[in-house]
Amino acid sequence: MKILFIRYKKSKNILEGGEQGSQKNYNVLSQLVGEDNITTYYIHDENLKKSVVDYAKGALFFPFNYYFGLTPKRVNEIVHLAQSYDVVFIDRSVFGIVAKRLKETGYKGRIISFFHNVEVPYFEAKLGNKPGKSILLKCIDHNDRYACQYSDKTIALNPRDDDELFARYGKRADVLIPVAFKDKYQREQYSEETTGAQPLCLFLGAYFPPNNEGIVWFVQNVLPHVNIRMKVVGKGMARLKAEEPLLKDIEVISDAPELLPYFEKADIMVLPIFKGSGMKVKTCESLMYGKNIIATDEAFEGYEVDYDRVGGKCNTAEAFIARIKDFETTPRPRFNAYSRQMFLEKYSEEAVVEKFREVLFGE
C-alpha cells in the first residue's frame, strides 16, 4: 500500500501542538506500511521565506474555499500525484477541498481525512476580532463539510468533536482516535523526589488566545492565594509577557528547544484552559512525562483518566486554590506513576496503532 500524506507544514524547528499530532499520524502510518511507502506533500515549508505579498496572494483564495497555501493549481497537482497512490491521507480537514476534487476527478483509491479539531469553533477562538474573520471561517466551514462528504473514512479525536461534526454536517466520524505521542520518556528508573512545600507549577503552551487567557486568569485569580513558584514555557510566550503587566514577575521561556528539563523539574502541571476544540496536546505530553496535572474540563477533554489520581480537575479559582494548597501541605511523588500508566495504555502511539490499521485496511 502506498500513501500520499498531505501535511500542513514542514516545521523549521519546534513542532507546535497540531504538528505533533501530524507527526504521530505519520509515525503510525509508517509502522503499518513502511516509511518508504509514504510520500509527504507539504502545503507550507517554514524553511522557505514568505513575503507579505505571498501571504496576500494566499488570502485571495479564501473566498473560493482554498485554505491558506492551497490554490487551484496546487490542488490539481495533488490530484495528479494521487493517481500513483492507493490512499490519500489528508492530515487536516481544512484541506477538505482536496477530497472534493479527488472524488470529482474519479480517483479510485481511498481518501482519509483527519480532524485535529472541528475547525470552525477552533478558529473562532483563535482569530478573535481579526479582520476578514467571516471570510476565513466560511472557507474553513466549507472544507470541514467537504472532508465529511467526500472522504471514504474520517477520523476525529473524541466524542465531543464527533457530536459537533454531526450537528454541523450531519455525518459522524468513522473512527475516534485520541491524541497520542511517541514515547520519549523511557527510563529504567524514574525520579523518587517528592513535591516541595512551595511547588513549582508549570504552564506549557504556545502564544494562542485560549492559552493566553488561561494563564492570565490563573495569575490574576489563583497565584496570589497560593505559595508556589510559577513558570510559563511556550512558543512565542515572550510576546505575552511583554503585553501583559500581570506577568512581569513570572518566569517565561519562549521557544525552548528541549522541554524535558522543564517537565522533570515541575511539581505540578497547571492547565487552566477554558476554550477550544479537539484535545489538548499538552495534556498528553504531561501524562507521558508522568506529571501531576491540575486542569480544567477543557484541558482534560477526551482523556479517560481518574482526575484525582492524576492531580485534580478544577474549573474555578477556588478549586484550583484548594487543590494546590493540598499539594503544599501533603507532599507526593513528583513523578506520577498513574499518569504515566494512562499514557502507555491509552495515549501512546502503540496504543492507537490498531485503530489506524482498521482505517487503512478495514472495509
Protein backbone atom coordinates (compact mmCIF):
# COMPACT_ATOMS: atom_id res chain seq x y z
CA MET A 1 0.00 0.00 0.00
CA LYS A 2 1.29 3.44 -0.98
CA ILE A 3 0.11 6.57 0.83
CA LEU A 4 0.21 10.22 -0.23
CA PHE A 5 0.28 12.14 3.06
CA ILE A 6 -0.99 15.73 2.78
CA ARG A 7 0.58 17.70 5.62
CA TYR A 8 0.20 21.31 6.68
CA LYS A 9 3.84 22.31 7.01
CA LYS A 10 7.43 21.27 7.20
CA SER A 11 8.45 22.83 10.50
CA LYS A 12 11.73 24.65 10.86
CA ASN A 13 12.39 23.58 14.45
CA ILE A 14 9.86 23.25 17.27
CA LEU A 15 6.70 21.28 16.47
CA GLU A 16 3.55 23.01 17.72
CA GLY A 17 0.58 21.07 19.06
CA GLY A 18 -1.12 20.33 15.74
CA GLU A 19 2.13 19.39 14.07
CA GLN A 20 2.92 16.99 16.90
CA GLY A 21 -0.37 15.32 16.10
CA SER A 22 0.56 15.21 12.43
CA GLN A 23 3.88 13.62 13.28
CA LYS A 24 2.09 10.95 15.31
CA ASN A 25 -0.16 10.17 12.34
CA TYR A 26 2.86 9.88 10.07
CA ASN A 27 4.76 7.69 12.54
CA VAL A 28 1.88 5.25 12.99
CA LEU A 29 1.19 5.01 9.26
CA SER A 30 4.89 4.33 8.75
CA GLN A 31 4.69 1.45 11.21
CA LEU A 32 1.82 -0.04 9.25
CA VAL A 33 3.00 0.32 5.64
CA GLY A 34 6.69 1.23 5.89
CA GLU A 35 8.16 4.70 5.60
CA ASP A 36 9.31 4.01 2.03
CA ASN A 37 5.66 3.67 1.01
CA ILE A 38 4.65 7.14 2.22
CA THR A 39 5.23 10.37 0.30
CA THR A 40 4.61 13.62 2.16
CA TYR A 41 3.21 16.64 0.33
CA TYR A 42 3.78 19.79 2.40
CA ILE A 43 1.42 22.71 1.94
CA HIS A 44 3.96 25.00 3.64
CA ASP A 45 7.69 24.85 4.23
CA GLU A 46 8.93 27.05 7.07
CA ASN A 47 12.45 26.86 5.65
CA LEU A 48 11.30 28.94 2.66
CA LYS A 49 10.84 32.63 3.38
CA LYS A 50 7.48 34.18 2.51
CA SER A 51 6.90 37.86 1.83
CA VAL A 52 3.87 39.98 2.68
CA VAL A 53 2.91 39.67 -0.99
CA ASP A 54 2.94 35.86 -0.70
CA TYR A 55 0.60 35.97 2.28
CA ALA A 56 -1.69 38.44 0.49
CA LYS A 57 -1.85 36.19 -2.57
CA GLY A 58 -2.70 33.20 -0.38
CA ALA A 59 -5.55 35.08 1.26
CA LEU A 60 -7.07 35.88 -2.14
CA PHE A 61 -8.16 32.25 -2.47
CA PHE A 62 -10.11 32.12 0.84
CA PRO A 63 -13.42 33.17 -0.81
CA PHE A 64 -13.06 30.20 -3.18
CA ASN A 65 -12.62 27.72 -0.30
CA TYR A 66 -8.87 27.22 -0.68
CA TYR A 67 -7.37 27.41 2.79
CA PHE A 68 -4.07 29.28 3.10
CA GLY A 69 -1.38 27.61 0.99
CA LEU A 70 -3.74 25.90 -1.42
CA THR A 71 -4.56 27.15 -4.91
CA PRO A 72 -6.42 25.52 -7.80
CA LYS A 73 -3.04 24.80 -9.39
CA ARG A 74 -1.71 23.05 -6.28
CA VAL A 75 -4.89 21.03 -5.80
CA ASN A 76 -4.65 19.87 -9.42
CA GLU A 77 -1.03 18.91 -8.73
CA ILE A 78 -2.11 16.81 -5.73
CA VAL A 79 -4.88 15.17 -7.77
CA HIS A 80 -2.34 14.26 -10.46
CA LEU A 81 0.11 12.85 -7.90
CA ALA A 82 -2.63 10.86 -6.19
CA GLN A 83 -3.14 8.60 -9.21
CA SER A 84 0.04 6.74 -8.21
CA TYR A 85 -1.15 6.09 -4.63
CA ASP A 86 -3.63 3.72 -3.01
CA VAL A 87 -4.51 6.13 -0.21
CA VAL A 88 -4.55 9.90 0.14
CA PHE A 89 -4.34 10.79 3.84
CA ILE A 90 -5.42 14.41 4.29
CA ASP A 91 -3.96 15.30 7.65
CA ARG A 92 -6.09 18.40 8.25
CA SER A 93 -9.74 18.85 7.43
CA VAL A 94 -9.11 22.47 6.34
CA PHE A 95 -7.87 20.86 3.13
CA GLY A 96 -11.20 19.14 2.53
CA ILE A 97 -11.35 20.66 -0.95
CA VAL A 98 -8.66 18.13 -1.91
CA ALA A 99 -11.06 15.30 -1.08
CA LYS A 100 -13.77 17.02 -3.14
CA ARG A 101 -11.54 17.37 -6.19
CA LEU A 102 -10.28 13.80 -5.90
CA LYS A 103 -13.84 12.45 -5.95
CA GLU A 104 -14.88 14.76 -8.77
CA THR A 105 -11.98 13.57 -10.94
CA GLY A 106 -12.71 9.89 -10.34
CA TYR A 107 -9.84 8.97 -8.01
CA LYS A 108 -10.11 5.22 -7.33
CA GLY A 109 -8.10 4.99 -4.12
CA ARG A 110 -9.17 5.59 -0.53
CA ILE A 111 -9.44 9.13 0.85
CA ILE A 112 -8.94 9.53 4.60
CA SER A 113 -9.37 12.88 6.37
CA PHE A 114 -8.15 13.55 9.90
CA PHE A 115 -9.91 16.17 12.04
CA HIS A 116 -7.45 17.66 14.54
CA ASN A 117 -10.39 19.80 15.67
CA VAL A 118 -13.77 20.76 14.40
CA GLU A 119 -12.16 23.76 12.82
CA VAL A 120 -14.85 26.45 12.96
CA PRO A 121 -15.01 26.67 16.79
CA TYR A 122 -11.23 26.32 16.94
CA PHE A 123 -10.66 29.24 14.58
CA GLU A 124 -13.36 31.32 16.19
CA ALA A 125 -11.32 31.15 19.40
CA LYS A 126 -8.03 31.66 17.58
CA LEU A 127 -8.98 34.64 15.42
CA GLY A 128 -10.76 36.83 17.96
CA ASN A 129 -11.80 40.03 16.17
CA LYS A 130 -9.25 39.94 13.35
CA PRO A 131 -10.33 41.49 10.05
CA GLY A 132 -11.55 39.06 7.41
CA LYS A 133 -12.61 36.56 10.04
CA SER A 134 -16.00 35.84 8.47
CA ILE A 135 -14.44 35.05 5.08
CA LEU A 136 -11.90 32.70 6.62
CA LEU A 137 -14.50 30.95 8.78
CA LYS A 138 -16.70 30.38 5.73
CA CYS A 139 -13.73 28.82 3.90
CA ILE A 140 -12.95 26.59 6.88
CA ASP A 141 -16.59 25.58 7.31
CA HIS A 142 -16.83 24.54 3.66
CA ASN A 143 -13.64 22.49 3.91
CA ASP A 144 -14.78 20.62 7.02
CA ARG A 145 -18.03 19.87 5.15
CA TYR A 146 -16.08 18.66 2.10
CA ALA A 147 -13.93 16.42 4.30
CA CYS A 148 -17.07 14.83 5.76
CA GLN A 149 -18.85 14.50 2.43
CA TYR A 150 -16.10 13.32 0.10
CA SER A 151 -13.76 11.24 2.28
CA ASP A 152 -14.07 7.48 2.37
CA LYS A 153 -13.03 7.49 6.03
CA THR A 154 -12.91 10.27 8.58
CA ILE A 155 -11.10 10.31 11.91
CA ALA A 156 -11.94 12.57 14.85
CA LEU A 157 -10.30 12.81 18.26
CA ASN A 158 -13.13 12.45 20.75
CA PRO A 159 -16.91 12.14 21.25
CA ARG A 160 -17.33 15.92 21.62
CA ASP A 161 -15.87 16.57 18.17
CA ASP A 162 -17.87 13.68 16.75
CA ASP A 163 -21.10 15.22 18.10
CA GLU A 164 -20.07 18.63 16.73
CA LEU A 165 -19.44 17.17 13.27
CA PHE A 166 -22.84 15.51 13.29
CA ALA A 167 -24.59 18.69 14.43
CA ARG A 168 -22.88 20.80 11.76
CA TYR A 169 -22.61 18.43 8.81
CA GLY A 170 -24.93 15.52 9.50
CA LYS A 171 -22.19 12.90 9.49
CA ARG A 172 -20.21 11.24 12.25
CA ALA A 173 -16.56 10.25 12.08
CA ASP A 174 -15.87 6.66 11.11
CA VAL A 175 -13.46 6.18 13.99
CA LEU A 176 -12.27 8.12 17.04
CA ILE A 177 -8.52 8.11 17.66
CA PRO A 178 -7.31 10.30 20.54
CA VAL A 179 -4.22 12.45 20.70
CA ALA A 180 -1.18 10.21 21.14
CA PHE A 181 2.59 10.61 21.37
CA LYS A 182 5.66 8.65 20.51
CA ASP A 183 7.04 7.67 23.91
CA LYS A 184 10.07 9.86 24.57
CA TYR A 185 10.41 9.17 28.29
CA GLN A 186 11.52 5.58 28.72
CA ARG A 187 13.69 5.18 31.81
CA GLU A 188 14.98 2.24 33.85
CA GLN A 189 14.21 4.26 36.96
CA TYR A 190 12.09 7.36 37.46
CA SER A 191 12.60 10.15 39.97
CA GLU A 192 11.60 9.41 43.56
CA GLU A 193 11.65 13.06 44.61
CA THR A 194 8.54 14.47 46.25
CA THR A 195 6.79 17.77 45.65
CA GLY A 196 8.02 20.66 47.72
CA ALA A 197 6.27 22.90 50.26
CA GLN A 198 6.46 25.62 47.59
CA PRO A 199 5.62 23.55 44.49
CA LEU A 200 6.96 24.52 41.08
CA CYS A 201 3.93 24.86 38.81
CA LEU A 202 4.48 24.76 35.04
CA PHE A 203 2.16 26.10 32.39
CA LEU A 204 3.02 24.75 28.95
CA GLY A 205 1.53 26.31 25.83
CA ALA A 206 2.24 28.48 22.82
CA TYR A 207 1.07 32.06 22.32
CA PHE A 208 -2.58 31.45 21.41
CA PRO A 209 -5.74 33.22 22.70
CA PRO A 210 -7.16 30.39 24.89
CA ASN A 211 -3.68 29.74 26.36
CA ASN A 212 -3.07 33.45 26.92
CA GLU A 213 -6.45 33.97 28.56
CA GLY A 214 -5.97 30.91 30.75
CA ILE A 215 -2.58 31.84 32.12
CA VAL A 216 -3.56 35.48 32.73
CA TRP A 217 -6.70 34.28 34.55
CA PHE A 218 -4.60 31.93 36.69
CA VAL A 219 -2.04 34.60 37.59
CA GLN A 220 -4.77 37.06 38.48
CA ASN A 221 -7.16 34.77 40.37
CA VAL A 222 -5.14 31.86 41.75
CA LEU A 223 -1.48 32.81 42.10
CA PRO A 224 -1.98 35.49 44.82
CA HIS A 225 -3.62 32.90 47.09
CA VAL A 226 -1.11 30.05 46.91
CA ASN A 227 2.55 29.59 47.83
CA ILE A 228 4.06 28.34 44.57
CA ARG A 229 6.80 29.07 42.10
CA MET A 230 5.38 29.71 38.64
CA LYS A 231 6.93 29.12 35.22
CA VAL A 232 5.46 29.54 31.72
CA VAL A 233 7.05 27.75 28.77
CA GLY A 234 5.80 28.03 25.20
CA LYS A 235 6.49 29.18 21.69
CA GLY A 236 6.09 32.94 21.42
CA MET A 237 5.16 33.44 25.08
CA ALA A 238 7.71 36.26 25.50
CA ARG A 239 5.21 38.29 23.48
CA LEU A 240 2.50 37.67 26.08
CA LYS A 241 4.83 38.75 28.88
CA ALA A 242 5.56 41.97 27.01
CA GLU A 243 1.85 42.62 26.51
CA GLU A 244 0.55 41.65 29.94
CA PRO A 245 1.74 43.58 33.06
CA LEU A 246 0.46 40.80 35.33
CA LEU A 247 3.24 38.54 34.03
CA LYS A 248 6.12 40.93 34.74
CA ASP A 249 7.32 38.87 37.73
CA ILE A 250 6.63 35.45 36.16
CA GLU A 251 9.47 33.45 34.60
CA VAL A 252 8.60 32.97 30.92
CA ILE A 253 10.64 30.86 28.50
CA SER A 254 9.89 31.21 24.79
CA ASP A 255 10.85 28.73 22.08
CA ALA A 256 12.63 26.26 24.35
CA PRO A 257 14.46 23.74 22.13
CA GLU A 258 14.02 20.95 24.70
CA LEU A 259 11.08 20.63 27.09
CA LEU A 260 12.31 17.65 29.11
CA PRO A 261 14.22 19.67 31.77
CA TYR A 262 11.14 21.78 32.47
CA PHE A 263 8.87 18.76 32.80
CA GLU A 264 11.27 16.93 35.10
CA LYS A 265 11.68 19.87 37.47
CA ALA A 266 7.98 20.70 37.65
CA ASP A 267 5.97 19.50 40.66
CA ILE A 268 2.61 20.23 39.03
CA MET A 269 1.36 20.98 35.53
CA VAL A 270 -1.37 23.62 35.72
CA LEU A 271 -3.58 23.81 32.63
CA PRO A 272 -6.29 26.45 33.12
CA ILE A 273 -7.76 26.27 29.61
CA PHE A 274 -11.42 27.20 29.20
CA LYS A 275 -11.99 27.31 25.43
CA GLY A 276 -11.12 25.10 22.49
CA SER A 277 -11.86 22.13 20.29
CA GLY A 278 -10.22 18.75 19.83
CA MET A 279 -7.88 17.59 22.59
CA LYS A 280 -5.01 19.39 24.28
CA VAL A 281 -1.64 18.02 23.23
CA LYS A 282 -0.03 19.48 26.35
CA THR A 283 -2.19 17.16 28.50
CA CYS A 284 -0.97 14.09 26.63
CA GLU A 285 2.62 15.28 26.91
CA SER A 286 2.17 15.78 30.65
CA LEU A 287 0.86 12.24 31.00
CA MET A 288 3.82 10.90 29.05
CA TYR A 289 6.27 12.53 31.46
CA GLY A 290 4.35 11.21 34.47
CA LYS A 291 3.28 14.56 35.86
CA ASN A 292 0.79 15.67 38.45
CA ILE A 293 -1.80 17.59 36.43
CA ILE A 294 -4.32 20.12 37.71
CA ALA A 295 -6.52 21.15 34.82
CA THR A 296 -9.94 22.25 33.64
CA ASP A 297 -12.63 20.26 31.87
CA GLU A 298 -11.36 21.66 28.57
CA ALA A 299 -7.76 20.60 29.19
CA PHE A 300 -8.95 17.10 30.13
CA GLU A 301 -11.45 16.87 27.24
CA GLY A 302 -11.17 13.47 25.58
CA TYR A 303 -8.90 11.96 28.24
CA GLU A 304 -10.29 8.97 30.13
CA VAL A 305 -8.41 9.13 33.43
CA ASP A 306 -9.13 9.29 37.15
CA TYR A 307 -8.73 13.04 37.66
CA ASP A 308 -7.98 12.79 41.37
CA ARG A 309 -5.18 10.27 40.79
CA VAL A 310 -3.73 12.40 38.01
CA GLY A 311 -3.85 15.54 40.14
CA GLY A 312 -7.21 17.21 40.02
CA LYS A 313 -9.92 18.66 37.79
CA CYS A 314 -10.70 22.28 38.61
CA ASN A 315 -12.87 24.87 36.86
CA THR A 316 -12.93 27.71 39.37
CA ALA A 317 -10.28 29.75 41.15
CA GLU A 318 -11.45 28.32 44.48
CA ALA A 319 -11.00 24.75 43.22
CA PHE A 320 -7.51 25.45 41.86
CA ILE A 321 -6.50 27.14 45.12
CA ALA A 322 -7.78 24.26 47.27
CA ARG A 323 -6.09 21.60 45.15
CA ILE A 324 -2.75 23.43 45.07
CA LYS A 325 -2.86 24.04 48.83
CA ASP A 326 -3.37 20.31 49.26
CA PHE A 327 -0.12 19.75 47.38
CA GLU A 328 1.59 22.35 49.57
CA THR A 329 0.63 20.58 52.79
CA THR A 330 0.76 16.96 51.60
CA PRO A 331 3.86 16.19 49.55
CA ARG A 332 3.55 13.39 46.98
CA PRO A 333 5.81 11.93 44.30
CA ARG A 334 6.84 14.41 41.65
CA PHE A 335 6.68 11.51 39.18
CA ASN A 336 3.07 10.39 38.99
CA ALA A 337 3.15 6.70 38.06
CA TYR A 338 -0.58 6.63 37.35
CA SER A 339 -0.29 9.42 34.77
CA ARG A 340 2.50 7.54 33.06
CA GLN A 341 0.49 4.31 33.11
CA MET A 342 -2.51 6.03 31.47
CA PHE A 343 -0.27 7.40 28.74
CA LEU A 344 1.17 3.98 27.94
CA GLU A 345 -2.23 2.26 27.96
CA LYS A 346 -4.27 4.83 26.04
CA TYR A 347 -2.28 7.72 24.57
CA SER A 348 0.98 6.34 23.20
CA GLU A 349 1.48 5.60 19.51
CA GLU A 350 1.47 1.89 20.32
CA ALA A 351 -1.97 2.26 21.91
CA VAL A 352 -3.57 3.63 18.73
CA VAL A 353 -1.89 1.52 16.02
CA GLU A 354 -4.75 -0.95 15.76
CA LYS A 355 -7.29 1.82 15.22
CA PHE A 356 -5.22 3.16 12.33
CA ARG A 357 -4.93 -0.36 10.95
CA GLU A 358 -8.72 -0.58 10.97
CA VAL A 359 -8.99 2.65 8.99
CA LEU A 360 -6.39 1.62 6.42
CA PHE A 361 -7.30 -2.00 5.86
CA GLY A 362 -10.88 -2.32 7.11
CA GLU A 363 -13.96 -2.18 4.94
